């Protein structure tokens, strides 16, 4: 009977876990739809900014701009976008695997950790933390990412960093996210000049000059690249968490069914044993 009570207690625990994970799955699904829509809506705008920069690059010598200039002073910088909360499946493990590989190849590099999980991992792994940002808003806006952008831009212009890279989970679809290392600074002159879509290769009249517009556009291009990485990361996080909670709910349900079957078998054996005792006692009295 003690065993039956233990099984009953485990069934109750499995039911409670299933309710919690189901609720978390529904919350994550709601956030996921909003984050996915925001990331997908922003992609054409990001491409338009890139095309505009490519157009201006044909009219001005972008190689002279300080953000395109390669220098050897300072350390390498990595901006790592993780989550503030756990229960997000393989999101953070895949991210930290890439972070570990980057650190192995850049032992003197510095890390800007975004999210509590990246901060905790960096402290555990002995990574050189340059700065940390936690409790980022959800949904996130461009204004929320500007402190990170300013840190990167000012550090590079002051030659505190010789290059800057961002590590984030790129959203592919609900079931698939991929860790991506994207170079932020210095900007790749050749890549910018060759990303222009053939359909928009036409003549333009610039007012003011192309170089003046370029001076304003290049920092904004970096801002937008960082913001887009945040959007992709948020969409990936909520997708990963929804899938993880869905799997947890299904596993809890399966465990509950197994325990219920075990309880029924135990109960049936107990009833059979009691019937045998009663039958034996009856036969003994009749004889």
C-alpha atoms as a PDB file:
ATOM      1  CA  UNK A   1       0.000   0.000   0.000  1.00  0.00           C
ATOM      2  CA  UNK A   2       2.933   2.246   0.693  1.00  0.00           C
ATOM      3  CA  UNK A   3       4.112   1.654  -2.880  1.00  0.00           C
ATOM      4  CA  UNK A   4       0.676   2.591  -4.234  1.00  0.00           C
ATOM      5  CA  UNK A   5       0.754   5.851  -2.272  1.00  0.00           C
ATOM      6  CA  UNK A   6       4.207   6.646  -3.703  1.00  0.00           C
ATOM      7  CA  UNK A   7       2.977   6.004  -7.247  1.00  0.00           C
ATOM      8  CA  UNK A   8      -0.087   8.198  -6.601  1.00  0.00           C
ATOM      9  CA  UNK A   9       2.171  10.969  -5.366  1.00  0.00           C
ATOM     10  CA  UNK A  10       4.343  10.692  -8.476  1.00  0.00           C
ATOM     11  CA  UNK A  11       1.251  10.792 -10.721  1.00  0.00           C
ATOM     12  CA  UNK A  12       0.150  13.993  -8.995  1.00  0.00           C
ATOM     13  CA  UNK A  13       3.611  15.508  -9.440  1.00  0.00           C
ATOM     14  CA  UNK A  14       3.626  14.596 -13.156  1.00  0.00           C
ATOM     15  CA  UNK A  15       0.206  16.227 -13.581  1.00  0.00           C
ATOM     16  CA  UNK A  16       1.403  19.415 -11.893  1.00  0.00           C
ATOM     17  CA  UNK A  17       4.549  19.519 -14.037  1.00  0.00           C
ATOM     18  CA  UNK A  18       2.451  18.984 -17.153  1.00  0.00           C
ATOM     19  CA  UNK A  19       0.182  21.907 -16.219  1.00  0.00           C
ATOM     20  CA  UNK A  20       3.158  24.214 -15.599  1.00  0.00           C
ATOM     21  CA  UNK A  21       4.992  23.317 -18.808  1.00  0.00           C
ATOM     22  CA  UNK A  22       1.767  23.590 -20.825  1.00  0.00           C
ATOM     23  CA  UNK A  23       1.185  27.095 -19.471  1.00  0.00           C
ATOM     24  CA  UNK A  24       4.787  28.052 -20.247  1.00  0.00           C
ATOM     25  CA  UNK A  25       4.396  26.612 -23.738  1.00  0.00           C
ATOM     26  CA  UNK A  26       1.341  28.791 -24.389  1.00  0.00           C
ATOM     27  CA  UNK A  27       3.092  31.918 -23.073  1.00  0.00           C
ATOM     28  CA  UNK A  28       6.170  31.195 -25.204  1.00  0.00           C
ATOM     29  CA  UNK A  29       3.988  30.551 -28.263  1.00  0.00           C
ATOM     30  CA  UNK A  30       2.382  33.972 -27.869  1.00  0.00           C
ATOM     31  CA  UNK A  31       5.766  35.693 -27.455  1.00  0.00           C
ATOM     32  CA  UNK A  32       7.216  33.639 -30.297  1.00  0.00           C
ATOM     33  CA  UNK A  33       4.606  34.799 -32.817  1.00  0.00           C
ATOM     34  CA  UNK A  34       5.224  38.424 -31.889  1.00  0.00           C
ATOM     35  CA  UNK A  35       9.031  38.078 -31.950  1.00  0.00           C
ATOM     36  CA  UNK A  36       9.001  36.185 -35.261  1.00  0.00           C
ATOM     37  CA  UNK A  37       6.776  38.793 -36.879  1.00  0.00           C
ATOM     38  CA  UNK A  38       9.048  41.594 -35.640  1.00  0.00           C
ATOM     39  CA  UNK A  39      12.200  39.874 -36.923  1.00  0.00           C
ATOM     40  CA  UNK A  40      10.698  39.016 -40.316  1.00  0.00           C
ATOM     41  CA  UNK A  41       9.283  42.528 -40.795  1.00  0.00           C
ATOM     42  CA  UNK A  42      12.685  44.023 -40.053  1.00  0.00           C
ATOM     43  CA  UNK A  43      14.622  41.941 -42.584  1.00  0.00           C
ATOM     44  CA  UNK A  44      13.528  43.909 -45.714  1.00  0.00           C
ATOM     45  CA  UNK A  45      14.425  47.160 -43.947  1.00  0.00           C
ATOM     46  CA  UNK A  46      17.853  45.797 -43.064  1.00  0.00           C
ATOM     47  CA  UNK A  47      18.378  44.805 -46.687  1.00  0.00           C
ATOM     48  CA  UNK A  48      17.261  48.258 -47.823  1.00  0.00           C
ATOM     49  CA  UNK A  49      19.823  49.910 -45.517  1.00  0.00           C
ATOM     50  CA  UNK A  50      22.510  47.611 -46.922  1.00  0.00           C
ATOM     51  CA  UNK A  51      21.478  48.433 -50.501  1.00  0.00           C
ATOM     52  CA  UNK A  52      21.563  52.152 -49.730  1.00  0.00           C
ATOM     53  CA  UNK A  53      25.031  51.846 -48.245  1.00  0.00           C
ATOM     54  CA  UNK A  54      26.150  49.890 -51.306  1.00  0.00           C
ATOM     55  CA  UNK A  55      24.788  52.611 -53.591  1.00  0.00           C
ATOM     56  CA  UNK A  56      26.639  55.313 -51.687  1.00  0.00           C
ATOM     57  CA  UNK A  57      29.798  53.198 -51.691  1.00  0.00           C
ATOM     58  CA  UNK A  58      29.918  53.476 -55.492  1.00  0.00           C
ATOM     59  CA  UNK A  59      29.913  57.275 -55.251  1.00  0.00           C
ATOM     60  CA  UNK A  60      32.384  57.747 -52.389  1.00  0.00           C
ATOM     61  CA  UNK A  61      35.633  56.257 -51.147  1.00  0.00           C
ATOM     62  CA  UNK A  62      34.285  54.324 -48.162  1.00  0.00           C
ATOM     63  CA  UNK A  63      37.699  52.814 -47.416  1.00  0.00           C
ATOM     64  CA  UNK A  64      38.703  56.166 -45.893  1.00  0.00           C
ATOM     65  CA  UNK A  65      35.924  56.034 -43.284  1.00  0.00           C
ATOM     66  CA  UNK A  66      37.275  55.096 -39.793  1.00  0.00           C
ATOM     67  CA  UNK A  67      34.736  52.267 -39.401  1.00  0.00           C
ATOM     68  CA  UNK A  68      36.105  50.654 -42.575  1.00  0.00           C
ATOM     69  CA  UNK A  69      39.716  51.119 -41.533  1.00  0.00           C
ATOM     70  CA  UNK A  70      41.511  48.062 -40.172  1.00  0.00           C
ATOM     71  CA  UNK A  71      43.912  48.739 -37.292  1.00  0.00           C
ATOM     72  CA  UNK A  72      45.892  46.478 -34.981  1.00  0.00           C
ATOM     73  CA  UNK A  73      45.520  48.404 -31.728  1.00  0.00           C
ATOM     74  CA  UNK A  74      43.364  47.053 -28.907  1.00  0.00           C
ATOM     75  CA  UNK A  75      41.785  43.670 -28.242  1.00  0.00           C
ATOM     76  CA  UNK A  76      39.222  41.589 -30.107  1.00  0.00           C
ATOM     77  CA  UNK A  77      35.642  42.015 -28.874  1.00  0.00           C
ATOM     78  CA  UNK A  78      32.754  39.552 -28.965  1.00  0.00           C
ATOM     79  CA  UNK A  79      29.157  40.544 -28.203  1.00  0.00           C
ATOM     80  CA  UNK A  80      27.268  37.400 -27.108  1.00  0.00           C
ATOM     81  CA  UNK A  81      23.452  37.441 -27.113  1.00  0.00           C
ATOM     82  CA  UNK A  82      22.058  34.859 -24.675  1.00  0.00           C
ATOM     83  CA  UNK A  83      18.881  34.648 -22.570  1.00  0.00           C
ATOM     84  CA  UNK A  84      18.029  35.890 -19.103  1.00  0.00           C
ATOM     85  CA  UNK A  85      16.015  32.757 -18.295  1.00  0.00           C
ATOM     86  CA  UNK A  86      16.602  29.068 -18.815  1.00  0.00           C
ATOM     87  CA  UNK A  87      14.306  26.279 -20.049  1.00  0.00           C
ATOM     88  CA  UNK A  88      15.082  27.205 -23.643  1.00  0.00           C
ATOM     89  CA  UNK A  89      16.272  23.844 -24.923  1.00  0.00           C
ATOM     90  CA  UNK A  90      19.545  23.839 -26.864  1.00  0.00           C
ATOM     91  CA  UNK A  91      19.581  27.621 -27.383  1.00  0.00           C
ATOM     92  CA  UNK A  92      22.245  28.521 -24.825  1.00  0.00           C
ATOM     93  CA  UNK A  93      24.353  25.305 -25.108  1.00  0.00           C
ATOM     94  CA  UNK A  94      24.769  25.817 -28.868  1.00  0.00           C
ATOM     95  CA  UNK A  95      25.584  29.474 -28.312  1.00  0.00           C
ATOM     96  CA  UNK A  96      28.170  28.770 -25.625  1.00  0.00           C
ATOM     97  CA  UNK A  97      29.794  26.083 -27.757  1.00  0.00           C
ATOM     98  CA  UNK A  98      30.548  28.761 -30.354  1.00  0.00           C
ATOM     99  CA  UNK A  99      31.642  31.138 -27.599  1.00  0.00           C
ATOM    100  CA  UNK A 100      34.102  28.545 -26.317  1.00  0.00           C
ATOM    101  CA  UNK A 101      35.514  28.013 -29.805  1.00  0.00           C
ATOM    102  CA  UNK A 102      35.904  31.771 -30.308  1.00  0.00           C
ATOM    103  CA  UNK A 103      37.649  32.115 -26.961  1.00  0.00           C
ATOM    104  CA  UNK A 104      40.023  29.279 -27.853  1.00  0.00           C
ATOM    105  CA  UNK A 105      41.020  31.108 -31.035  1.00  0.00           C
ATOM    106  CA  UNK A 106      41.164  34.539 -29.359  1.00  0.00           C
ATOM    107  CA  UNK A 107      42.545  33.928 -25.834  1.00  0.00           C
ATOM    108  CA  UNK A 108      43.050  37.654 -25.166  1.00  0.00           C
ATOM    109  CA  UNK A 109      39.632  38.651 -26.480  1.00  0.00           C
ATOM    110  CA  UNK A 110      37.008  40.435 -24.416  1.00  0.00           C
ATOM    111  CA  UNK A 111      33.330  39.568 -24.079  1.00  0.00           C
ATOM    112  CA  UNK A 112      30.233  41.741 -23.848  1.00  0.00           C
ATOM    113  CA  UNK A 113      27.665  39.396 -22.287  1.00  0.00           C
ATOM    114  CA  UNK A 114      24.011  40.050 -23.058  1.00  0.00           C
ATOM    115  CA  UNK A 115      21.701  38.070 -20.773  1.00  0.00           C
ATOM    116  CA  UNK A 116      22.179  36.453 -17.378  1.00  0.00           C
ATOM    117  CA  UNK A 117      23.065  33.064 -18.864  1.00  0.00           C
ATOM    118  CA  UNK A 118      26.018  34.515 -20.794  1.00  0.00           C
ATOM    119  CA  UNK A 119      27.195  36.342 -17.670  1.00  0.00           C
ATOM    120  CA  UNK A 120      27.026  33.162 -15.585  1.00  0.00           C
ATOM    121  CA  UNK A 121      28.773  31.077 -18.243  1.00  0.00           C
ATOM    122  CA  UNK A 122      31.518  33.666 -18.722  1.00  0.00           C
ATOM    123  CA  UNK A 123      32.217  33.728 -14.982  1.00  0.00           C
ATOM    124  CA  UNK A 124      32.222  29.922 -14.830  1.00  0.00           C
ATOM    125  CA  UNK A 125      34.496  29.538 -17.877  1.00  0.00           C
ATOM    126  CA  UNK A 126      36.890  32.277 -16.789  1.00  0.00           C
ATOM    127  CA  UNK A 127      36.118  34.477 -19.789  1.00  0.00           C
ATOM    128  CA  UNK A 128      37.334  38.081 -19.693  1.00  0.00           C
ATOM    129  CA  UNK A 129      34.103  40.081 -19.315  1.00  0.00           C
ATOM    130  CA  UNK A 130      34.319  43.633 -20.645  1.00  0.00           C
ATOM    131  CA  UNK A 131      30.683  44.574 -19.998  1.00  0.00           C
ATOM    132  CA  UNK A 132      27.343  42.920 -19.279  1.00  0.00           C
ATOM    133  CA  UNK A 133      23.707  43.744 -19.998  1.00  0.00           C
ATOM    134  CA  UNK A 134      20.857  41.855 -18.347  1.00  0.00           C
ATOM    135  CA  UNK A 135      17.060  42.103 -18.106  1.00  0.00           C
ATOM    136  CA  UNK A 136      16.688  43.398 -21.651  1.00  0.00           C
ATOM    137  CA  UNK A 137      13.072  44.373 -22.480  1.00  0.00           C
ATOM    138  CA  UNK A 138      10.761  42.047 -24.359  1.00  0.00           C
ATOM    139  CA  UNK A 139       9.714  43.025 -26.997  1.00  0.00           C
ATOM    140  CA  UNK A 140      12.918  44.893 -27.680  1.00  0.00           C
ATOM    141  CA  UNK A 141      13.271  48.195 -29.523  1.00  0.00           C
ATOM    142  CA  UNK A 142      16.143  49.959 -31.280  1.00  0.00           C
ATOM    143  CA  UNK A 143      16.513  52.351 -28.328  1.00  0.00           C
ATOM    144  CA  UNK A 144      17.099  49.389 -25.995  1.00  0.00           C
ATOM    145  CA  UNK A 145      20.096  48.237 -28.047  1.00  0.00           C
ATOM    146  CA  UNK A 146      21.755  51.652 -28.446  1.00  0.00           C
ATOM    147  CA  UNK A 147      23.942  51.323 -25.292  1.00  0.00           C
ATOM    148  CA  UNK A 148      25.488  48.179 -26.773  1.00  0.00           C
ATOM    149  CA  UNK A 149      25.976  49.906 -30.130  1.00  0.00           C
ATOM    150  CA  UNK A 150      27.612  52.953 -28.543  1.00  0.00           C
ATOM    151  CA  UNK A 151      29.968  50.754 -26.543  1.00  0.00           C
ATOM    152  CA  UNK A 152      31.082  48.947 -29.720  1.00  0.00           C
ATOM    153  CA  UNK A 153      31.397  52.055 -31.896  1.00  0.00           C
ATOM    154  CA  UNK A 154      33.188  54.202 -29.323  1.00  0.00           C
ATOM    155  CA  UNK A 155      35.536  51.387 -28.336  1.00  0.00           C
ATOM    156  CA  UNK A 156      36.524  50.788 -31.954  1.00  0.00           C
ATOM    157  CA  UNK A 157      36.940  54.484 -32.827  1.00  0.00           C
ATOM    158  CA  UNK A 158      39.079  54.985 -29.710  1.00  0.00           C
ATOM    159  CA  UNK A 159      41.144  51.963 -30.801  1.00  0.00           C
ATOM    160  CA  UNK A 160      40.300  50.023 -27.669  1.00  0.00           C
ATOM    161  CA  UNK A 161      39.173  47.171 -29.946  1.00  0.00           C
ATOM    162  CA  UNK A 162      40.831  46.064 -33.154  1.00  0.00           C
ATOM    163  CA  UNK A 163      37.650  44.322 -34.310  1.00  0.00           C
ATOM    164  CA  UNK A 164      34.152  43.546 -33.066  1.00  0.00           C
ATOM    165  CA  UNK A 165      32.042  40.435 -33.699  1.00  0.00           C
ATOM    166  CA  UNK A 166      28.521  39.552 -32.595  1.00  0.00           C
ATOM    167  CA  UNK A 167      27.402  36.020 -31.704  1.00  0.00           C
ATOM    168  CA  UNK A 168      23.677  35.263 -31.785  1.00  0.00           C
ATOM    169  CA  UNK A 169      21.166  32.568 -32.668  1.00  0.00           C
ATOM    170  CA  UNK A 170      19.828  33.232 -36.161  1.00  0.00           C
ATOM    171  CA  UNK A 171      16.138  32.420 -36.599  1.00  0.00           C
ATOM    172  CA  UNK A 172      15.544  29.986 -39.472  1.00  0.00           C
ATOM    173  CA  UNK A 173      12.156  28.588 -38.496  1.00  0.00           C
ATOM    174  CA  UNK A 174      10.291  27.518 -35.366  1.00  0.00           C
ATOM    175  CA  UNK A 175      12.181  24.234 -35.113  1.00  0.00           C
ATOM    176  CA  UNK A 176      15.587  25.426 -36.283  1.00  0.00           C
ATOM    177  CA  UNK A 177      17.964  28.124 -35.046  1.00  0.00           C
ATOM    178  CA  UNK A 178      21.643  28.459 -35.871  1.00  0.00           C
ATOM    179  CA  UNK A 179      24.511  30.088 -33.960  1.00  0.00           C
ATOM    180  CA  UNK A 180      26.035  32.805 -36.151  1.00  0.00           C
ATOM    181  CA  UNK A 181      29.252  34.803 -35.786  1.00  0.00           C
ATOM    182  CA  UNK A 182      28.912  38.090 -37.666  1.00  0.00           C
ATOM    183  CA  UNK A 183      31.690  40.646 -37.950  1.00  0.00           C
ATOM    184  CA  UNK A 184      30.552  44.138 -37.011  1.00  0.00           C
ATOM    185  CA  UNK A 185      33.762  46.153 -37.245  1.00  0.00           C
ATOM    186  CA  UNK A 186      35.726  46.926 -39.251  1.00  0.00           C
ATOM    187  CA  UNK A 187      33.127  46.882 -42.001  1.00  0.00           C
ATOM    188  CA  UNK A 188      34.062  44.833 -45.037  1.00  0.00           C
ATOM    189  CA  UNK A 189      34.510  47.220 -47.975  1.00  0.00           C
ATOM    190  CA  UNK A 190      34.318  44.518 -50.623  1.00  0.00           C
ATOM    191  CA  UNK A 191      31.244  42.902 -49.074  1.00  0.00           C
ATOM    192  CA  UNK A 192      29.384  46.225 -48.910  1.00  0.00           C
ATOM    193  CA  UNK A 193      30.226  47.094 -52.513  1.00  0.00           C
ATOM    194  CA  UNK A 194      29.041  43.717 -53.825  1.00  0.00           C
ATOM    195  CA  UNK A 195      25.762  43.398 -51.874  1.00  0.00           C
ATOM    196  CA  UNK A 196      23.873  45.860 -54.053  1.00  0.00           C
ATOM    197  CA  UNK A 197      20.929  44.232 -55.785  1.00  0.00           C
ATOM    198  CA  UNK A 198      21.195  44.399 -59.606  1.00  0.00           C
ATOM    199  CA  UNK A 199      17.666  45.783 -59.833  1.00  0.00           C
ATOM    200  CA  UNK A 200      18.602  49.022 -58.060  1.00  0.00           C
ATOM    201  CA  UNK A 201      21.912  49.696 -59.791  1.00  0.00           C
ATOM    202  CA  UNK A 202      20.933  53.054 -61.283  1.00  0.00           C
ATOM    203  CA  UNK A 203      22.014  56.665 -61.178  1.00  0.00           C
ATOM    204  CA  UNK A 204      21.165  58.903 -58.196  1.00  0.00           C
ATOM    205  CA  UNK A 205      21.463  62.574 -57.384  1.00  0.00           C
ATOM    206  CA  UNK A 206      22.678  62.976 -53.784  1.00  0.00           C
ATOM    207  CA  UNK A 207      21.745  65.993 -51.667  1.00  0.00           C
ATOM    208  CA  UNK A 208      23.908  66.713 -49.690  1.00  0.00           C
ATOM    209  CA  UNK A 209      26.928  64.867 -51.065  1.00  0.00           C
ATOM    210  CA  UNK A 210      27.272  61.098 -50.999  1.00  0.00           C
ATOM    211  CA  UNK A 211      30.161  61.320 -48.519  1.00  0.00           C
ATOM    212  CA  UNK A 212      28.103  63.399 -46.059  1.00  0.00           C
ATOM    213  CA  UNK A 213      25.201  60.978 -46.245  1.00  0.00           C
ATOM    214  CA  UNK A 214      27.643  58.122 -45.815  1.00  0.00           C
ATOM    215  CA  UNK A 215      29.011  59.618 -42.598  1.00  0.00           C
ATOM    216  CA  UNK A 216      25.497  59.489 -41.132  1.00  0.00           C
ATOM    217  CA  UNK A 217      24.497  56.181 -42.636  1.00  0.00           C
ATOM    218  CA  UNK A 218      27.478  54.013 -41.648  1.00  0.00           C
ATOM    219  CA  UNK A 219      26.943  54.291 -37.831  1.00  0.00           C
ATOM    220  CA  UNK A 220      23.238  53.674 -38.392  1.00  0.00           C
ATOM    221  CA  UNK A 221      24.116  50.614 -40.476  1.00  0.00           C
ATOM    222  CA  UNK A 222      26.007  49.200 -37.493  1.00  0.00           C
ATOM    223  CA  UNK A 223      23.104  50.094 -35.162  1.00  0.00           C
ATOM    224  CA  UNK A 224      20.673  48.310 -37.428  1.00  0.00           C
ATOM    225  CA  UNK A 225      22.916  45.230 -37.741  1.00  0.00           C
ATOM    226  CA  UNK A 226      23.073  44.894 -33.943  1.00  0.00           C
ATOM    227  CA  UNK A 227      19.327  45.509 -33.593  1.00  0.00           C
ATOM    228  CA  UNK A 228      18.545  42.861 -36.219  1.00  0.00           C
ATOM    229  CA  UNK A 229      20.753  40.390 -34.332  1.00  0.00           C
ATOM    230  CA  UNK A 230      18.734  41.088 -31.181  1.00  0.00           C
ATOM    231  CA  UNK A 231      15.477  40.490 -33.068  1.00  0.00           C
ATOM    232  CA  UNK A 232      16.731  37.207 -34.514  1.00  0.00           C
ATOM    233  CA  UNK A 233      17.917  36.148 -31.056  1.00  0.00           C
ATOM    234  CA  UNK A 234      14.556  36.930 -29.437  1.00  0.00           C
ATOM    235  CA  UNK A 235      12.624  35.018 -32.110  1.00  0.00           C
ATOM    236  CA  UNK A 236      15.001  32.071 -31.698  1.00  0.00           C
ATOM    237  CA  UNK A 237      14.742  32.146 -27.906  1.00  0.00           C
ATOM    238  CA  UNK A 238      10.945  32.029 -27.777  1.00  0.00           C
ATOM    239  CA  UNK A 239      10.813  29.376 -30.497  1.00  0.00           C
ATOM    240  CA  UNK A 240      13.325  27.202 -28.650  1.00  0.00           C
ATOM    241  CA  UNK A 241      11.515  27.656 -25.342  1.00  0.00           C
ATOM    242  CA  UNK A 242       8.120  26.833 -26.849  1.00  0.00           C
ATOM    243  CA  UNK A 243       9.457  23.645 -28.424  1.00  0.00           C
ATOM    244  CA  UNK A 244      11.242  22.686 -25.183  1.00  0.00           C
ATOM    245  CA  UNK A 245       8.082  23.213 -23.125  1.00  0.00           C
ATOM    246  CA  UNK A 246       6.002  21.288 -25.656  1.00  0.00           C
ATOM    247  CA  UNK A 247       8.401  18.346 -25.394  1.00  0.00           C
ATOM    248  CA  UNK A 248       8.377  18.610 -21.592  1.00  0.00           C
ATOM    249  CA  UNK A 249       4.550  18.566 -21.542  1.00  0.00           C
ATOM    250  CA  UNK A 250       4.466  15.492 -23.778  1.00  0.00           C
ATOM    251  CA  UNK A 251       7.081  13.730 -21.649  1.00  0.00           C
ATOM    252  CA  UNK A 252       5.168  14.548 -18.454  1.00  0.00           C
ATOM    253  CA  UNK A 253       1.982  13.205 -20.028  1.00  0.00           C
ATOM    254  CA  UNK A 254       3.751  10.010 -21.101  1.00  0.00           C
ATOM    255  CA  UNK A 255       5.223   9.584 -17.608  1.00  0.00           C
ATOM    256  CA  UNK A 256       1.781  10.124 -16.101  1.00  0.00           C
ATOM    257  CA  UNK A 257       0.313   7.387 -18.309  1.00  0.00           C
ATOM    258  CA  UNK A 258       3.126   4.979 -17.397  1.00  0.00           C
ATOM    259  CA  UNK A 259       2.673   5.655 -13.697  1.00  0.00           C
ATOM    260  CA  UNK A 260      -1.114   5.249 -14.003  1.00  0.00           C
ATOM    261  CA  UNK A 261      -0.594   1.858 -15.644  1.00  0.00           C
ATOM    262  CA  UNK A 262       1.847   0.897 -12.893  1.00  0.00           C
ATOM    263  CA  UNK A 263      -0.676   2.004 -10.260  1.00  0.00           C
ATOM    264  CA  UNK A 264      -3.479   0.018 -11.907  1.00  0.00           C
ATOM    265  CA  UNK A 265      -1.309  -3.112 -12.022  1.00  0.00           C
ATOM    266  CA  UNK A 266      -0.312  -2.634  -8.385  1.00  0.00           C
ATOM    267  CA  UNK A 267      -3.923  -2.081  -7.381  1.00  0.00           C
ATOM    268  CA  UNK A 268      -5.057  -5.104  -9.351  1.00  0.00           C
ATOM    269  CA  UNK A 269      -2.411  -7.280  -7.699  1.00  0.00           C
ATOM    270  CA  UNK A 270      -3.502  -6.011  -4.289  1.00  0.00           C
ATOM    271  CA  UNK A 271      -7.160  -6.786  -4.985  1.00  0.00           C
ATOM    272  CA  UNK A 272      -6.257 -10.257  -6.313  1.00  0.00           C
ATOM    273  CA  UNK A 273      -4.220 -10.944  -3.173  1.00  0.00           C
ATOM    274  CA  UNK A 274      -7.126  -9.875  -0.941  1.00  0.00           C
ATOM    275  CA  UNK A 275      -9.557 -12.086  -2.858  1.00  0.00           C
ATOM    276  CA  UNK A 276      -7.206 -15.030  -2.464  1.00  0.00           C
ATOM    277  CA  UNK A 277      -7.003 -14.386   1.276  1.00  0.00           C
ATOM    278  CA  UNK A 278     -10.782 -14.220   1.528  1.00  0.00           C
ATOM    279  CA  UNK A 279     -11.231 -17.398  -0.539  1.00  0.00           C
ATOM    280  CA  UNK A 280      -8.647 -19.252   1.536  1.00  0.00           C
ATOM    281  CA  UNK A 281     -10.278 -18.153   4.787  1.00  0.00           C
ATOM    282  CA  UNK A 282     -13.731 -19.209   3.529  1.00  0.00           C
ATOM    283  CA  UNK A 283     -12.464 -22.638   2.505  1.00  0.00           C
ATOM    284  CA  UNK A 284     -10.781 -23.068   5.881  1.00  0.00           C
ATOM    285  CA  UNK A 285     -14.011 -22.240   7.754  1.00  0.00           C
ATOM    286  CA  UNK A 286     -16.099 -24.622   5.597  1.00  0.00           C
ATOM    287  CA  UNK A 287     -13.741 -27.505   6.297  1.00  0.00           C
END
